[in-house]
Amino acid sequence: MSFRPVPNHVYPNETLILSGYLGCVPLFPTIAISLRTLAAFHQLHCSCPRFSIQAAAKTLCFLHHIPYRPYLTVQLSNTSDVYLEILHRMDCQLKRELK
C-alpha cells in the first residue's frame, strides 16, 4: 500500500496517521503498522501479559506470508512504545481539558 503525501505535512507519519497507520521510524518509514493492530496487541497484552511482542511479530509475519526476521520484533516494539506514548499524552491532555 502506498500513501500520497499531503502538501502541508512535513513528516511522513503525519500522512500515515491520518490513514490509520504509524510508521516504525520517525523520518522515513518503510514499514507501517495499523493503529487497529497496535490497539489489538495492547488489549491482548493487557489480557495476557505473557503474550510477547515477539509472538505478535511472528503472528503478523505468518498472517502476511512473510518470513519472520528478528528486526521486525524490534520495529513492532518501538512502534508499540510510540503508540502507548501517544495514548498517554492524549489521556493527559484530555484530563487537563476536563478540569
C-alpha atoms as a PDB file:
ATOM      1  CA  MET A   1       0.000   0.000   0.000  1.00  0.00           C
ATOM      2  CA  SER A   2       1.340   3.434  -0.801  1.00  0.00           C
ATOM      3  CA  PHE A   3       0.312   6.816   0.536  1.00  0.00           C
ATOM      4  CA  ARG A   4       0.340  10.180  -1.160  1.00  0.00           C
ATOM      5  CA  PRO A   5       1.939  12.908   0.911  1.00  0.00           C
ATOM      6  CA  VAL A   6      -0.287  15.786   1.931  1.00  0.00           C
ATOM      7  CA  PRO A   7       1.275  19.112   0.821  1.00  0.00           C
ATOM      8  CA  ASN A   8       1.319  20.777   4.246  1.00  0.00           C
ATOM      9  CA  HIS A   9       2.712  17.733   6.069  1.00  0.00           C
ATOM     10  CA  VAL A  10       6.418  17.810   6.862  1.00  0.00           C
ATOM     11  CA  TYR A  11       6.797  14.242   8.130  1.00  0.00           C
ATOM     12  CA  PRO A  12       5.552  11.001   6.522  1.00  0.00           C
ATOM     13  CA  ASN A  13       3.989   9.874   9.808  1.00  0.00           C
ATOM     14  CA  GLU A  14       1.582  12.816   9.604  1.00  0.00           C
ATOM     15  CA  THR A  15       0.131  11.339   6.423  1.00  0.00           C
ATOM     16  CA  LEU A  16       0.252   7.774   7.767  1.00  0.00           C
ATOM     17  CA  ILE A  17      -1.580   8.606  10.998  1.00  0.00           C
ATOM     18  CA  LEU A  18      -4.419  10.203   9.028  1.00  0.00           C
ATOM     19  CA  SER A  19      -4.778   6.886   7.193  1.00  0.00           C
ATOM     20  CA  GLY A  20      -4.717   4.852  10.418  1.00  0.00           C
ATOM     21  CA  TYR A  21      -1.081   3.775  10.378  1.00  0.00           C
ATOM     22  CA  LEU A  22       2.038   4.539  12.367  1.00  0.00           C
ATOM     23  CA  GLY A  23       5.476   4.292  10.806  1.00  0.00           C
ATOM     24  CA  CYS A  24       8.121   2.188  12.524  1.00  0.00           C
ATOM     25  CA  VAL A  25      10.662   5.028  12.381  1.00  0.00           C
ATOM     26  CA  PRO A  26      10.078   8.766  12.701  1.00  0.00           C
ATOM     27  CA  LEU A  27      11.529  10.191   9.478  1.00  0.00           C
ATOM     28  CA  PHE A  28      11.494   7.781   6.537  1.00  0.00           C
ATOM     29  CA  PRO A  29       9.362   4.747   7.412  1.00  0.00           C
ATOM     30  CA  THR A  30       9.353   1.792   5.047  1.00  0.00           C
ATOM     31  CA  ILE A  31       7.123  -0.267   7.336  1.00  0.00           C
ATOM     32  CA  ALA A  32       3.936   0.986   8.974  1.00  0.00           C
ATOM     33  CA  ILE A  33       1.621  -0.774  11.403  1.00  0.00           C
ATOM     34  CA  SER A  34      -2.085  -0.078  11.558  1.00  0.00           C
ATOM     35  CA  LEU A  35      -3.441   1.579  14.663  1.00  0.00           C
ATOM     36  CA  ARG A  36      -6.004  -1.219  14.874  1.00  0.00           C
ATOM     37  CA  THR A  37      -3.201  -3.791  15.024  1.00  0.00           C
ATOM     38  CA  LEU A  38      -1.411  -1.812  17.740  1.00  0.00           C
ATOM     39  CA  ALA A  39      -4.664  -1.468  19.704  1.00  0.00           C
ATOM     40  CA  ALA A  40      -5.318  -5.208  19.368  1.00  0.00           C
ATOM     41  CA  PHE A  41      -1.808  -6.056  20.591  1.00  0.00           C
ATOM     42  CA  HIS A  42      -2.234  -3.665  23.529  1.00  0.00           C
ATOM     43  CA  GLN A  43      -5.523  -5.328  24.521  1.00  0.00           C
ATOM     44  CA  LEU A  44      -4.061  -8.813  24.087  1.00  0.00           C
ATOM     45  CA  HIS A  45      -1.047  -7.939  26.195  1.00  0.00           C
ATOM     46  CA  CYS A  46      -3.249  -6.388  28.920  1.00  0.00           C
ATOM     47  CA  SER A  47      -5.396  -9.538  28.976  1.00  0.00           C
ATOM     48  CA  CYS A  48      -2.452 -11.906  28.826  1.00  0.00           C
ATOM     49  CA  PRO A  49       0.880 -10.321  29.808  1.00  0.00           C
ATOM     50  CA  ARG A  50       2.689 -13.479  28.721  1.00  0.00           C
ATOM     51  CA  PHE A  51       1.763 -12.715  25.081  1.00  0.00           C
ATOM     52  CA  SER A  52       5.064 -11.268  23.979  1.00  0.00           C
ATOM     53  CA  ILE A  53       5.952  -8.731  21.336  1.00  0.00           C
ATOM     54  CA  GLN A  54       7.949 -11.482  19.603  1.00  0.00           C
ATOM     55  CA  ALA A  55       4.870 -13.731  19.465  1.00  0.00           C
ATOM     56  CA  ALA A  56       2.888 -10.839  17.992  1.00  0.00           C
ATOM     57  CA  ALA A  57       5.590 -10.158  15.380  1.00  0.00           C
ATOM     58  CA  LYS A  58       5.739 -13.830  14.407  1.00  0.00           C
ATOM     59  CA  THR A  59       1.934 -13.950  14.152  1.00  0.00           C
ATOM     60  CA  LEU A  60       1.849 -10.876  11.921  1.00  0.00           C
ATOM     61  CA  CYS A  61       4.552 -12.368   9.680  1.00  0.00           C
ATOM     62  CA  PHE A  62       2.547 -15.584   9.392  1.00  0.00           C
ATOM     63  CA  LEU A  63      -0.651 -13.683   8.548  1.00  0.00           C
ATOM     64  CA  HIS A  64       1.151 -11.627   5.891  1.00  0.00           C
ATOM     65  CA  HIS A  65       3.001 -14.640   4.439  1.00  0.00           C
ATOM     66  CA  ILE A  66       6.468 -13.201   5.013  1.00  0.00           C
ATOM     67  CA  PRO A  67       9.392 -14.871   6.756  1.00  0.00           C
ATOM     68  CA  TYR A  68       9.999 -13.811  10.335  1.00  0.00           C
ATOM     69  CA  ARG A  69      13.083 -11.681  10.930  1.00  0.00           C
ATOM     70  CA  PRO A  70      14.167 -10.555  14.437  1.00  0.00           C
ATOM     71  CA  TYR A  71      14.378  -6.897  13.356  1.00  0.00           C
ATOM     72  CA  LEU A  72      10.600  -6.964  12.837  1.00  0.00           C
ATOM     73  CA  THR A  73      10.154  -7.609  16.568  1.00  0.00           C
ATOM     74  CA  VAL A  74      12.269  -4.537  17.295  1.00  0.00           C
ATOM     75  CA  GLN A  75      10.229  -2.433  14.880  1.00  0.00           C
ATOM     76  CA  LEU A  76       6.936  -3.652  16.346  1.00  0.00           C
ATOM     77  CA  SER A  77       8.240  -2.988  19.853  1.00  0.00           C
ATOM     78  CA  ASN A  78       9.364   0.548  19.016  1.00  0.00           C
ATOM     79  CA  THR A  79       6.103   1.342  17.241  1.00  0.00           C
ATOM     80  CA  SER A  80       4.100  -0.085  20.133  1.00  0.00           C
ATOM     81  CA  ASP A  81       6.043   2.139  22.551  1.00  0.00           C
ATOM     82  CA  VAL A  82       5.255   5.203  20.434  1.00  0.00           C
ATOM     83  CA  TYR A  83       1.593   4.178  20.245  1.00  0.00           C
ATOM     84  CA  LEU A  84       1.426   3.876  24.039  1.00  0.00           C
ATOM     85  CA  GLU A  85       3.125   7.263  24.416  1.00  0.00           C
ATOM     86  CA  ILE A  86       0.548   8.825  22.086  1.00  0.00           C
ATOM     87  CA  LEU A  87      -2.274   7.281  24.144  1.00  0.00           C
ATOM     88  CA  HIS A  88      -0.685   8.547  27.368  1.00  0.00           C
ATOM     89  CA  ARG A  89      -0.278  12.098  26.045  1.00  0.00           C
ATOM     90  CA  MET A  90      -3.831  12.132  24.700  1.00  0.00           C
ATOM     91  CA  ASP A  91      -5.113  10.962  28.074  1.00  0.00           C
ATOM     92  CA  CYS A  92      -3.117  13.668  29.901  1.00  0.00           C
ATOM     93  CA  GLN A  93      -4.372  16.349  27.522  1.00  0.00           C
ATOM     94  CA  LEU A  94      -7.951  15.171  27.905  1.00  0.00           C
ATOM     95  CA  LYS A  95      -7.657  15.251  31.712  1.00  0.00           C
ATOM     96  CA  ARG A  96      -6.211  18.794  31.561  1.00  0.00           C
ATOM     97  CA  GLU A  97      -9.047  19.986  29.327  1.00  0.00           C
ATOM     98  CA  LEU A  98     -11.732  18.438  31.514  1.00  0.00           C
ATOM     99  CA  LYS A  99     -10.504  20.148  34.703  1.00  0.00           C
END
